[in-house]
Amino acid sequence: ISQREKVITAYHESGHALVARMLPNADPVHKVSIGARGVAGGWTKFLPSEDRHLWSRSQLNDQIATLLGGRAAEELQFGDITTGAQNDLDRATKLARKMVTTYGMSKKLGPLTFGDRDEMVFLGREIAEQRNYSDEVAEEIDQEVRRFIDEAYARAQAILSTKRGKLDLIAQRLIEVETIERPEFESLMAA
């Protein structure tokens, strides 16, 4: 990749890692890399500190903020955004929608689920969703998904603005070595 894209990717991945590191319910950063992997220009790997089958609302909110940290870092550093956050945005939006429609985690809409899901149990996936709610409720769902995303993005932006020096430090190190393992990441955070 070009030097310009390498720098953008370094800030993007540093944004994910730094936001996760600063949030109390995010999984620990295991490795950060700007070495291309498939179609992704870089990647940040998180390693949960324990096996879990249940996720709390605060954990999911922190996960969304972490997903949005890459885009927020691009915007902060370059005053512009790239297509590099496409997968992050998709995952964050789907997660926020599940929080509202499946997990009943919206304070506004309450402990309800929305949409009957027809599943192909033998394939382990959903194939269709029947809408069982009004247009007004659909609008409220969209507003709540938007609120979850907007709040998470604002949290990511606030962290990156406050810890701007750390963002620059991590990004510069990634540009130099391309991959940072957890021990080095933690020492950069302690510097």
N, C-alpha and C. Protein backbone atom coordinates (compact mmCIF):
# COMPACT_ATOMS: atom_id res chain seq x y z
N ILE A 1 0.84 -1.19 0.00
CA ILE A 1 0.00 0.00 0.00
C ILE A 1 0.87 1.25 0.00
N SER A 2 0.31 2.34 -0.42
CA SER A 2 1.08 3.58 -0.47
C SER A 2 1.39 4.07 0.94
N GLN A 3 2.37 4.95 1.03
CA GLN A 3 2.74 5.51 2.33
C GLN A 3 1.56 6.26 2.95
N ARG A 4 0.80 6.97 2.12
CA ARG A 4 -0.37 7.72 2.61
C ARG A 4 -1.40 6.77 3.23
N GLU A 5 -1.68 5.67 2.54
CA GLU A 5 -2.65 4.71 3.08
C GLU A 5 -2.11 3.99 4.31
N LYS A 6 -0.81 3.80 4.35
CA LYS A 6 -0.20 3.19 5.53
C LYS A 6 -0.40 4.07 6.76
N VAL A 7 -0.24 5.38 6.60
CA VAL A 7 -0.41 6.32 7.70
C VAL A 7 -1.89 6.36 8.13
N ILE A 8 -2.79 6.42 7.15
CA ILE A 8 -4.22 6.42 7.47
C ILE A 8 -4.60 5.16 8.23
N THR A 9 -4.13 4.01 7.74
CA THR A 9 -4.42 2.74 8.39
C THR A 9 -3.84 2.68 9.80
N ALA A 10 -2.67 3.24 9.98
CA ALA A 10 -2.04 3.26 11.31
C ALA A 10 -2.90 4.04 12.29
N TYR A 11 -3.39 5.19 11.88
CA TYR A 11 -4.26 5.97 12.77
C TYR A 11 -5.59 5.26 13.00
N HIS A 12 -6.13 4.66 11.95
CA HIS A 12 -7.39 3.94 12.07
C HIS A 12 -7.28 2.82 13.12
N GLU A 13 -6.28 1.99 12.97
CA GLU A 13 -6.11 0.86 13.90
C GLU A 13 -5.73 1.34 15.30
N SER A 14 -4.94 2.40 15.38
CA SER A 14 -4.60 2.97 16.68
C SER A 14 -5.86 3.48 17.38
N GLY A 15 -6.79 4.02 16.60
CA GLY A 15 -8.06 4.49 17.16
C GLY A 15 -8.84 3.36 17.80
N HIS A 16 -8.95 2.22 17.10
CA HIS A 16 -9.63 1.07 17.69
C HIS A 16 -8.97 0.66 19.01
N ALA A 17 -7.65 0.51 18.96
CA ALA A 17 -6.90 0.00 20.11
C ALA A 17 -6.99 0.96 21.30
N LEU A 18 -6.81 2.24 21.05
CA LEU A 18 -6.82 3.22 22.14
C LEU A 18 -8.20 3.34 22.77
N VAL A 19 -9.25 3.38 21.95
CA VAL A 19 -10.60 3.47 22.50
C VAL A 19 -10.89 2.24 23.37
N ALA A 20 -10.56 1.06 22.85
CA ALA A 20 -10.80 -0.16 23.63
C ALA A 20 -10.03 -0.13 24.94
N ARG A 21 -8.79 0.31 24.90
CA ARG A 21 -7.94 0.33 26.10
C ARG A 21 -8.50 1.25 27.18
N MET A 22 -9.19 2.31 26.76
CA MET A 22 -9.69 3.29 27.72
C MET A 22 -11.10 2.99 28.23
N LEU A 23 -11.77 2.04 27.63
CA LEU A 23 -13.13 1.71 28.05
C LEU A 23 -13.13 0.56 29.05
N PRO A 24 -13.90 0.67 30.12
CA PRO A 24 -13.84 -0.32 31.19
C PRO A 24 -14.40 -1.69 30.82
N ASN A 25 -15.26 -1.77 29.81
CA ASN A 25 -15.90 -3.04 29.49
C ASN A 25 -15.49 -3.62 28.15
N ALA A 26 -14.45 -3.06 27.54
CA ALA A 26 -13.95 -3.58 26.27
C ALA A 26 -12.93 -4.68 26.54
N ASP A 27 -12.81 -5.60 25.60
CA ASP A 27 -11.82 -6.66 25.72
C ASP A 27 -10.41 -6.08 25.55
N PRO A 28 -9.42 -6.68 26.22
CA PRO A 28 -8.04 -6.19 26.10
C PRO A 28 -7.49 -6.33 24.68
N VAL A 29 -6.65 -5.38 24.29
CA VAL A 29 -5.98 -5.41 23.00
C VAL A 29 -4.89 -6.46 23.05
N HIS A 30 -4.90 -7.37 22.08
CA HIS A 30 -3.90 -8.43 22.01
C HIS A 30 -2.81 -8.09 20.98
N LYS A 31 -3.24 -7.53 19.84
CA LYS A 31 -2.29 -7.21 18.78
C LYS A 31 -2.92 -6.18 17.85
N VAL A 32 -2.08 -5.27 17.35
CA VAL A 32 -2.51 -4.27 16.39
C VAL A 32 -1.56 -4.34 15.20
N SER A 33 -2.11 -4.35 13.99
CA SER A 33 -1.25 -4.47 12.81
C SER A 33 -1.78 -3.64 11.66
N ILE A 34 -0.86 -3.12 10.86
CA ILE A 34 -1.26 -2.45 9.63
C ILE A 34 -0.80 -3.28 8.43
N GLY A 35 -0.42 -4.53 8.69
CA GLY A 35 -0.12 -5.45 7.60
C GLY A 35 -1.44 -5.94 7.02
N ALA A 36 -1.62 -5.80 5.72
CA ALA A 36 -2.88 -6.17 5.09
C ALA A 36 -3.22 -7.63 5.36
N ARG A 37 -4.52 -7.85 5.56
CA ARG A 37 -5.01 -9.20 5.82
C ARG A 37 -6.32 -9.33 5.05
N GLY A 38 -6.27 -10.01 3.92
CA GLY A 38 -7.45 -10.07 3.06
C GLY A 38 -7.70 -8.70 2.47
N VAL A 39 -8.95 -8.24 2.55
CA VAL A 39 -9.28 -6.92 2.02
C VAL A 39 -9.03 -5.83 3.06
N ALA A 40 -8.81 -6.21 4.32
CA ALA A 40 -8.57 -5.22 5.37
C ALA A 40 -7.14 -4.71 5.28
N GLY A 41 -6.99 -3.39 5.38
CA GLY A 41 -5.66 -2.79 5.35
C GLY A 41 -4.89 -3.03 6.63
N GLY A 42 -5.61 -3.22 7.72
CA GLY A 42 -5.01 -3.48 9.02
C GLY A 42 -6.04 -4.15 9.90
N TRP A 43 -5.64 -4.46 11.12
CA TRP A 43 -6.57 -5.13 12.03
C TRP A 43 -6.09 -4.98 13.46
N THR A 44 -7.06 -5.05 14.34
CA THR A 44 -6.79 -5.02 15.78
C THR A 44 -7.45 -6.24 16.38
N LYS A 45 -6.67 -7.03 17.08
CA LYS A 45 -7.20 -8.26 17.68
C LYS A 45 -7.38 -8.06 19.18
N PHE A 46 -8.54 -8.45 19.64
CA PHE A 46 -8.86 -8.36 21.06
C PHE A 46 -8.95 -9.78 21.61
N LEU A 47 -8.50 -9.94 22.84
CA LEU A 47 -8.54 -11.26 23.46
C LEU A 47 -9.31 -11.13 24.77
N PRO A 48 -10.51 -11.72 24.81
CA PRO A 48 -11.30 -11.62 26.04
C PRO A 48 -10.54 -12.20 27.23
N SER A 49 -10.72 -11.59 28.38
CA SER A 49 -10.04 -12.07 29.58
C SER A 49 -10.73 -13.30 30.16
N GLU A 50 -11.93 -13.60 29.68
CA GLU A 50 -12.66 -14.78 30.15
C GLU A 50 -13.65 -15.23 29.09
N ASP A 51 -14.03 -16.51 29.13
CA ASP A 51 -15.09 -17.00 28.25
C ASP A 51 -16.39 -16.38 28.70
N ARG A 52 -17.23 -16.02 27.73
CA ARG A 52 -18.52 -15.46 28.12
C ARG A 52 -19.59 -15.91 27.14
N HIS A 53 -20.77 -16.04 27.70
CA HIS A 53 -21.94 -16.38 26.90
C HIS A 53 -22.98 -15.28 27.00
N LEU A 54 -22.81 -14.41 27.96
CA LEU A 54 -23.73 -13.29 28.17
C LEU A 54 -22.97 -11.98 27.99
N TRP A 55 -23.65 -11.00 27.39
CA TRP A 55 -23.07 -9.68 27.18
C TRP A 55 -23.96 -8.66 27.84
N SER A 56 -23.38 -7.74 28.59
CA SER A 56 -24.16 -6.68 29.21
C SER A 56 -24.32 -5.51 28.23
N ARG A 57 -25.26 -4.65 28.52
CA ARG A 57 -25.46 -3.46 27.69
C ARG A 57 -24.19 -2.62 27.66
N SER A 58 -23.53 -2.46 28.82
CA SER A 58 -22.32 -1.64 28.85
C SER A 58 -21.19 -2.27 28.02
N GLN A 59 -21.08 -3.59 28.02
CA GLN A 59 -20.07 -4.25 27.19
C GLN A 59 -20.35 -4.01 25.70
N LEU A 60 -21.62 -4.12 25.32
CA LEU A 60 -21.97 -3.92 23.91
C LEU A 60 -21.78 -2.46 23.50
N ASN A 61 -22.12 -1.53 24.39
CA ASN A 61 -21.89 -0.11 24.09
C ASN A 61 -20.40 0.17 23.91
N ASP A 62 -19.56 -0.43 24.75
CA ASP A 62 -18.12 -0.25 24.61
C ASP A 62 -17.61 -0.90 23.32
N GLN A 63 -18.20 -2.02 22.94
CA GLN A 63 -17.81 -2.68 21.69
C GLN A 63 -18.14 -1.79 20.49
N ILE A 64 -19.31 -1.15 20.51
CA ILE A 64 -19.67 -0.25 19.42
C ILE A 64 -18.71 0.94 19.38
N ALA A 65 -18.39 1.52 20.52
CA ALA A 65 -17.45 2.64 20.55
C ALA A 65 -16.08 2.22 20.01
N THR A 66 -15.65 1.02 20.35
CA THR A 66 -14.38 0.50 19.85
C THR A 66 -14.42 0.35 18.33
N LEU A 67 -15.52 -0.20 17.81
CA LEU A 67 -15.67 -0.35 16.37
C LEU A 67 -15.59 1.01 15.66
N LEU A 68 -16.14 2.04 16.29
CA LEU A 68 -16.16 3.37 15.68
C LEU A 68 -14.88 4.16 15.92
N GLY A 69 -14.00 3.63 16.76
CA GLY A 69 -12.75 4.33 17.08
C GLY A 69 -11.84 4.56 15.89
N GLY A 70 -11.85 3.66 14.93
CA GLY A 70 -11.01 3.82 13.74
C GLY A 70 -11.44 5.01 12.91
N ARG A 71 -12.74 5.10 12.65
CA ARG A 71 -13.26 6.22 11.87
C ARG A 71 -13.06 7.54 12.62
N ALA A 72 -13.30 7.52 13.93
CA ALA A 72 -13.12 8.74 14.72
C ALA A 72 -11.67 9.20 14.68
N ALA A 73 -10.73 8.27 14.69
CA ALA A 73 -9.31 8.62 14.63
C ALA A 73 -8.95 9.23 13.27
N GLU A 74 -9.50 8.67 12.20
CA GLU A 74 -9.26 9.24 10.86
C GLU A 74 -9.76 10.68 10.81
N GLU A 75 -10.97 10.88 11.30
CA GLU A 75 -11.58 12.20 11.26
C GLU A 75 -10.77 13.20 12.10
N LEU A 76 -10.32 12.77 13.27
CA LEU A 76 -9.53 13.64 14.15
C LEU A 76 -8.19 13.99 13.52
N GLN A 77 -7.50 13.02 12.99
CA GLN A 77 -6.15 13.25 12.46
C GLN A 77 -6.15 13.95 11.11
N PHE A 78 -7.05 13.56 10.22
CA PHE A 78 -6.98 14.05 8.85
C PHE A 78 -8.10 15.02 8.47
N GLY A 79 -9.09 15.18 9.35
CA GLY A 79 -10.21 16.05 9.02
C GLY A 79 -11.06 15.50 7.90
N ASP A 80 -10.90 14.22 7.63
CA ASP A 80 -11.63 13.56 6.56
C ASP A 80 -11.78 12.09 6.95
N ILE A 81 -12.61 11.36 6.24
CA ILE A 81 -12.81 9.94 6.50
C ILE A 81 -12.64 9.16 5.21
N THR A 82 -12.36 7.86 5.35
CA THR A 82 -12.17 7.00 4.18
C THR A 82 -13.19 5.86 4.21
N THR A 83 -13.10 5.03 3.20
CA THR A 83 -13.97 3.85 3.12
C THR A 83 -13.46 2.73 4.03
N GLY A 84 -12.34 2.94 4.69
CA GLY A 84 -11.74 1.91 5.53
C GLY A 84 -12.61 1.46 6.70
N ALA A 85 -13.58 2.28 7.08
CA ALA A 85 -14.43 1.94 8.22
C ALA A 85 -15.70 1.20 7.82
N GLN A 86 -15.86 0.85 6.56
CA GLN A 86 -17.11 0.25 6.08
C GLN A 86 -17.53 -0.97 6.90
N ASN A 87 -16.62 -1.91 7.11
CA ASN A 87 -16.96 -3.11 7.87
C ASN A 87 -17.25 -2.78 9.33
N ASP A 88 -16.50 -1.85 9.90
CA ASP A 88 -16.74 -1.42 11.29
C ASP A 88 -18.13 -0.81 11.43
N LEU A 89 -18.51 0.03 10.48
CA LEU A 89 -19.82 0.67 10.52
C LEU A 89 -20.94 -0.36 10.39
N ASP A 90 -20.75 -1.32 9.51
CA ASP A 90 -21.73 -2.38 9.33
C ASP A 90 -21.92 -3.17 10.62
N ARG A 91 -20.81 -3.57 11.22
CA ARG A 91 -20.88 -4.35 12.46
C ARG A 91 -21.49 -3.54 13.60
N ALA A 92 -21.10 -2.27 13.72
CA ALA A 92 -21.63 -1.42 14.79
C ALA A 92 -23.14 -1.22 14.64
N THR A 93 -23.58 -0.98 13.41
CA THR A 93 -25.00 -0.76 13.16
C THR A 93 -25.81 -2.01 13.45
N LYS A 94 -25.32 -3.14 13.00
CA LYS A 94 -26.03 -4.40 13.25
C LYS A 94 -26.10 -4.70 14.75
N LEU A 95 -25.02 -4.43 15.45
CA LEU A 95 -25.00 -4.66 16.90
C LEU A 95 -25.99 -3.73 17.61
N ALA A 96 -26.00 -2.46 17.24
CA ALA A 96 -26.93 -1.51 17.85
C ALA A 96 -28.38 -1.93 17.56
N ARG A 97 -28.65 -2.36 16.35
CA ARG A 97 -30.00 -2.80 15.99
C ARG A 97 -30.40 -4.03 16.81
N LYS A 98 -29.49 -4.96 16.99
CA LYS A 98 -29.80 -6.14 17.82
C LYS A 98 -30.07 -5.74 19.26
N MET A 99 -29.31 -4.77 19.76
CA MET A 99 -29.53 -4.31 21.13
C MET A 99 -30.96 -3.80 21.30
N VAL A 100 -31.46 -3.12 20.27
CA VAL A 100 -32.80 -2.54 20.33
C VAL A 100 -33.87 -3.58 20.03
N THR A 101 -33.71 -4.36 18.96
CA THR A 101 -34.79 -5.23 18.49
C THR A 101 -34.78 -6.65 19.04
N THR A 102 -33.62 -7.13 19.45
CA THR A 102 -33.50 -8.52 19.88
C THR A 102 -33.26 -8.65 21.38
N TYR A 103 -32.38 -7.78 21.92
CA TYR A 103 -31.98 -7.92 23.32
C TYR A 103 -32.81 -7.06 24.27
N GLY A 104 -33.69 -6.22 23.77
CA GLY A 104 -34.53 -5.38 24.63
C GLY A 104 -33.73 -4.42 25.48
N MET A 105 -32.64 -3.85 24.96
CA MET A 105 -31.74 -3.00 25.74
C MET A 105 -31.99 -1.51 25.57
N SER A 106 -33.05 -1.15 24.86
CA SER A 106 -33.38 0.26 24.69
C SER A 106 -34.25 0.71 25.85
N LYS A 107 -33.80 1.75 26.55
CA LYS A 107 -34.60 2.28 27.65
C LYS A 107 -35.90 2.88 27.13
N LYS A 108 -35.86 3.47 25.95
CA LYS A 108 -37.04 4.11 25.37
C LYS A 108 -38.10 3.07 24.97
N LEU A 109 -37.68 1.99 24.33
CA LEU A 109 -38.63 0.99 23.83
C LEU A 109 -38.87 -0.14 24.83
N GLY A 110 -38.02 -0.25 25.82
CA GLY A 110 -38.24 -1.21 26.88
C GLY A 110 -37.85 -2.64 26.55
N PRO A 111 -38.16 -3.54 27.48
CA PRO A 111 -37.75 -4.94 27.35
C PRO A 111 -38.67 -5.71 26.40
N LEU A 112 -38.59 -5.36 25.13
CA LEU A 112 -39.38 -6.02 24.10
C LEU A 112 -38.48 -6.46 22.97
N THR A 113 -38.93 -7.42 22.20
CA THR A 113 -38.26 -7.76 20.95
C THR A 113 -39.17 -7.33 19.81
N PHE A 114 -38.56 -7.03 18.69
CA PHE A 114 -39.30 -6.57 17.52
C PHE A 114 -38.89 -7.39 16.31
N GLY A 115 -39.86 -7.95 15.61
CA GLY A 115 -39.60 -8.74 14.42
C GLY A 115 -39.53 -10.21 14.76
N ASP A 116 -40.40 -11.00 14.16
CA ASP A 116 -40.35 -12.45 14.32
C ASP A 116 -39.33 -12.99 13.34
N ARG A 117 -38.41 -13.79 13.82
CA ARG A 117 -37.37 -14.34 12.96
C ARG A 117 -37.69 -15.77 12.60
N ASP A 118 -37.70 -16.04 11.30
CA ASP A 118 -37.80 -17.41 10.82
C ASP A 118 -36.38 -17.92 10.68
N GLU A 119 -36.13 -19.09 11.27
CA GLU A 119 -34.76 -19.58 11.27
C GLU A 119 -34.67 -20.93 10.59
N MET A 120 -33.53 -21.16 9.98
CA MET A 120 -33.20 -22.47 9.46
C MET A 120 -32.29 -23.11 10.50
N VAL A 121 -32.90 -23.77 11.46
CA VAL A 121 -32.16 -24.28 12.61
C VAL A 121 -31.01 -25.17 12.18
N PHE A 122 -31.23 -25.99 11.18
CA PHE A 122 -30.18 -26.92 10.76
C PHE A 122 -28.98 -26.20 10.15
N LEU A 123 -29.16 -24.96 9.69
CA LEU A 123 -28.03 -24.17 9.18
C LEU A 123 -27.51 -23.18 10.21
N GLY A 124 -28.26 -23.00 11.30
CA GLY A 124 -27.83 -22.11 12.36
C GLY A 124 -27.88 -20.65 12.01
N ARG A 125 -28.79 -20.27 11.13
CA ARG A 125 -28.87 -18.85 10.79
C ARG A 125 -30.31 -18.43 10.50
N GLU A 126 -30.51 -17.13 10.61
CA GLU A 126 -31.82 -16.56 10.32
C GLU A 126 -31.96 -16.39 8.82
N ILE A 127 -33.16 -16.64 8.29
CA ILE A 127 -33.36 -16.44 6.86
C ILE A 127 -34.32 -15.30 6.56
N ALA A 128 -35.15 -14.96 7.51
CA ALA A 128 -36.11 -13.88 7.25
C ALA A 128 -36.58 -13.28 8.56
N GLU A 129 -37.06 -12.06 8.47
CA GLU A 129 -37.64 -11.43 9.64
C GLU A 129 -38.99 -10.86 9.23
N GLN A 130 -40.00 -11.24 9.97
CA GLN A 130 -41.35 -10.72 9.75
C GLN A 130 -41.53 -9.50 10.63
N ARG A 131 -41.93 -8.41 10.02
CA ARG A 131 -42.14 -7.19 10.78
C ARG A 131 -43.49 -7.27 11.50
N ASN A 132 -43.46 -7.20 12.81
CA ASN A 132 -44.67 -7.29 13.61
C ASN A 132 -44.89 -6.01 14.43
N TYR A 133 -44.55 -4.88 13.83
CA TYR A 133 -44.68 -3.61 14.53
C TYR A 133 -45.06 -2.53 13.51
N SER A 134 -45.56 -1.43 14.03
CA SER A 134 -46.07 -0.34 13.19
C SER A 134 -44.95 0.51 12.60
N ASP A 135 -45.32 1.36 11.67
CA ASP A 135 -44.37 2.30 11.08
C ASP A 135 -43.82 3.25 12.14
N GLU A 136 -44.66 3.62 13.11
CA GLU A 136 -44.23 4.52 14.18
C GLU A 136 -43.15 3.84 15.03
N VAL A 137 -43.36 2.57 15.34
CA VAL A 137 -42.37 1.83 16.13
C VAL A 137 -41.10 1.64 15.30
N ALA A 138 -41.24 1.39 14.01
CA ALA A 138 -40.07 1.26 13.14
C ALA A 138 -39.22 2.53 13.19
N GLU A 139 -39.89 3.67 13.19
CA GLU A 139 -39.17 4.94 13.28
C GLU A 139 -38.48 5.09 14.64
N GLU A 140 -39.16 4.67 15.70
CA GLU A 140 -38.53 4.73 17.03
C GLU A 140 -37.32 3.79 17.10
N ILE A 141 -37.43 2.63 16.48
CA ILE A 141 -36.28 1.69 16.44
C ILE A 141 -35.11 2.36 15.74
N ASP A 142 -35.37 2.96 14.58
CA ASP A 142 -34.30 3.63 13.85
C ASP A 142 -33.68 4.76 14.68
N GLN A 143 -34.51 5.50 15.40
CA GLN A 143 -34.00 6.59 16.24
C GLN A 143 -33.12 6.04 17.37
N GLU A 144 -33.53 4.94 17.96
CA GLU A 144 -32.75 4.35 19.05
C GLU A 144 -31.43 3.79 18.54
N VAL A 145 -31.44 3.14 17.38
CA VAL A 145 -30.20 2.64 16.78
C VAL A 145 -29.27 3.82 16.53
N ARG A 146 -29.81 4.89 15.97
CA ARG A 146 -29.03 6.10 15.71
C ARG A 146 -28.45 6.65 17.01
N ARG A 147 -29.26 6.67 18.06
CA ARG A 147 -28.81 7.20 19.36
C ARG A 147 -27.65 6.36 19.90
N PHE A 148 -27.79 5.03 19.85
CA PHE A 148 -26.71 4.15 20.33
C PHE A 148 -25.42 4.44 19.57
N ILE A 149 -25.52 4.56 18.25
CA ILE A 149 -24.34 4.81 17.42
C ILE A 149 -23.76 6.19 17.72
N ASP A 150 -24.61 7.21 17.76
CA ASP A 150 -24.13 8.58 18.01
C ASP A 150 -23.44 8.70 19.36
N GLU A 151 -24.02 8.08 20.40
CA GLU A 151 -23.40 8.15 21.73
C GLU A 151 -22.06 7.43 21.75
N ALA A 152 -21.98 6.29 21.09
CA ALA A 152 -20.72 5.53 21.05
C ALA A 152 -19.66 6.31 20.28
N TYR A 153 -20.05 6.93 19.18
CA TYR A 153 -19.11 7.71 18.37
C TYR A 153 -18.59 8.91 19.16
N ALA A 154 -19.48 9.56 19.88
CA ALA A 154 -19.08 10.70 20.72
C ALA A 154 -18.10 10.25 21.80
N ARG A 155 -18.33 9.08 22.38
CA ARG A 155 -17.39 8.56 23.40
C ARG A 155 -16.03 8.29 22.77
N ALA A 156 -16.01 7.68 21.59
CA ALA A 156 -14.75 7.40 20.90
C ALA A 156 -14.02 8.71 20.60
N GLN A 157 -14.73 9.70 20.08
CA GLN A 157 -14.12 10.99 19.77
C GLN A 157 -13.54 11.66 21.02
N ALA A 158 -14.28 11.60 22.12
CA ALA A 158 -13.82 12.23 23.36
C ALA A 158 -12.54 11.56 23.86
N ILE A 159 -12.50 10.24 23.82
CA ILE A 159 -11.30 9.51 24.26
C ILE A 159 -10.11 9.89 23.40
N LEU A 160 -10.29 9.87 22.09
CA LEU A 160 -9.17 10.15 21.18
C LEU A 160 -8.70 11.60 21.29
N SER A 161 -9.61 12.51 21.49
CA SER A 161 -9.22 13.92 21.67
C SER A 161 -8.43 14.10 22.96
N THR A 162 -8.89 13.47 24.03
CA THR A 162 -8.23 13.57 25.32
C THR A 162 -6.87 12.89 25.33
N LYS A 163 -6.77 11.77 24.62
CA LYS A 163 -5.53 10.97 24.59
C LYS A 163 -4.80 11.12 23.26
N ARG A 164 -4.85 12.30 22.70
CA ARG A 164 -4.28 12.55 21.37
C ARG A 164 -2.80 12.16 21.30
N GLY A 165 -2.05 12.45 22.34
CA GLY A 165 -0.63 12.10 22.35
C GLY A 165 -0.41 10.60 22.24
N LYS A 166 -1.23 9.82 22.92
CA LYS A 166 -1.13 8.35 22.85
C LYS A 166 -1.50 7.85 21.46
N LEU A 167 -2.53 8.47 20.86
CA LEU A 167 -2.93 8.09 19.50
C LEU A 167 -1.77 8.29 18.54
N ASP A 168 -1.12 9.44 18.61
CA ASP A 168 0.03 9.71 17.75
C ASP A 168 1.18 8.74 18.02
N LEU A 169 1.44 8.45 19.28
CA LEU A 169 2.52 7.55 19.66
C LEU A 169 2.30 6.14 19.09
N ILE A 170 1.10 5.62 19.27
CA ILE A 170 0.78 4.27 18.78
C ILE A 170 0.84 4.24 17.25
N ALA A 171 0.25 5.24 16.60
CA ALA A 171 0.25 5.28 15.14
C ALA A 171 1.67 5.35 14.59
N GLN A 172 2.52 6.20 15.18
CA GLN A 172 3.90 6.32 14.70
C GLN A 172 4.66 5.00 14.86
N ARG A 173 4.41 4.32 15.97
CA ARG A 173 5.08 3.03 16.18
C ARG A 173 4.60 2.00 15.17
N LEU A 174 3.31 2.01 14.85
CA LEU A 174 2.79 1.09 13.83
C LEU A 174 3.40 1.37 12.47
N ILE A 175 3.57 2.63 12.14
CA ILE A 175 4.19 2.99 10.87
C ILE A 175 5.62 2.44 10.80
N GLU A 176 6.32 2.46 11.94
CA GLU A 176 7.69 1.96 12.00
C GLU A 176 7.78 0.44 11.90
N VAL A 177 6.95 -0.27 12.69
CA VAL A 177 7.13 -1.72 12.82
C VAL A 177 5.97 -2.55 12.26
N GLU A 178 4.88 -1.94 11.91
CA GLU A 178 3.68 -2.54 11.33
C GLU A 178 2.84 -3.40 12.27
N THR A 179 3.43 -4.03 13.27
CA THR A 179 2.66 -4.86 14.20
C THR A 179 3.13 -4.61 15.62
N ILE A 180 2.17 -4.40 16.51
CA ILE A 180 2.48 -4.21 17.93
C ILE A 180 1.75 -5.29 18.72
N GLU A 181 2.52 -6.03 19.50
CA GLU A 181 1.95 -7.07 20.38
C GLU A 181 1.52 -6.41 21.70
N ARG A 182 0.75 -7.12 22.46
CA ARG A 182 0.19 -6.57 23.70
C ARG A 182 1.23 -5.98 24.66
N PRO A 183 2.33 -6.66 24.95
CA PRO A 183 3.30 -6.06 25.89
C PRO A 183 3.81 -4.69 25.43
N GLU A 184 4.12 -4.57 24.15
CA GLU A 184 4.59 -3.27 23.65
C GLU A 184 3.46 -2.24 23.67
N PHE A 185 2.26 -2.66 23.33
CA PHE A 185 1.10 -1.76 23.39
C PHE A 185 0.93 -1.21 24.78
N GLU A 186 1.00 -2.08 25.78
CA GLU A 186 0.84 -1.65 27.18
C GLU A 186 1.97 -0.72 27.60
N SER A 187 3.19 -0.96 27.12
CA SER A 187 4.28 -0.06 27.48
C SER A 187 4.11 1.30 26.82
N LEU A 188 3.56 1.34 25.61
CA LEU A 188 3.26 2.63 24.96
C LEU A 188 2.18 3.38 25.74
N MET A 189 1.21 2.65 26.25
CA MET A 189 0.15 3.28 27.04
C MET A 189 0.70 3.82 28.36
N ALA A 190 1.71 3.16 28.90
CA ALA A 190 2.30 3.58 30.18
C ALA A 190 3.31 4.71 30.01
N ALA A 191 3.78 4.91 28.77
CA ALA A 191 4.82 5.92 28.52
C ALA A 191 4.32 7.33 28.77
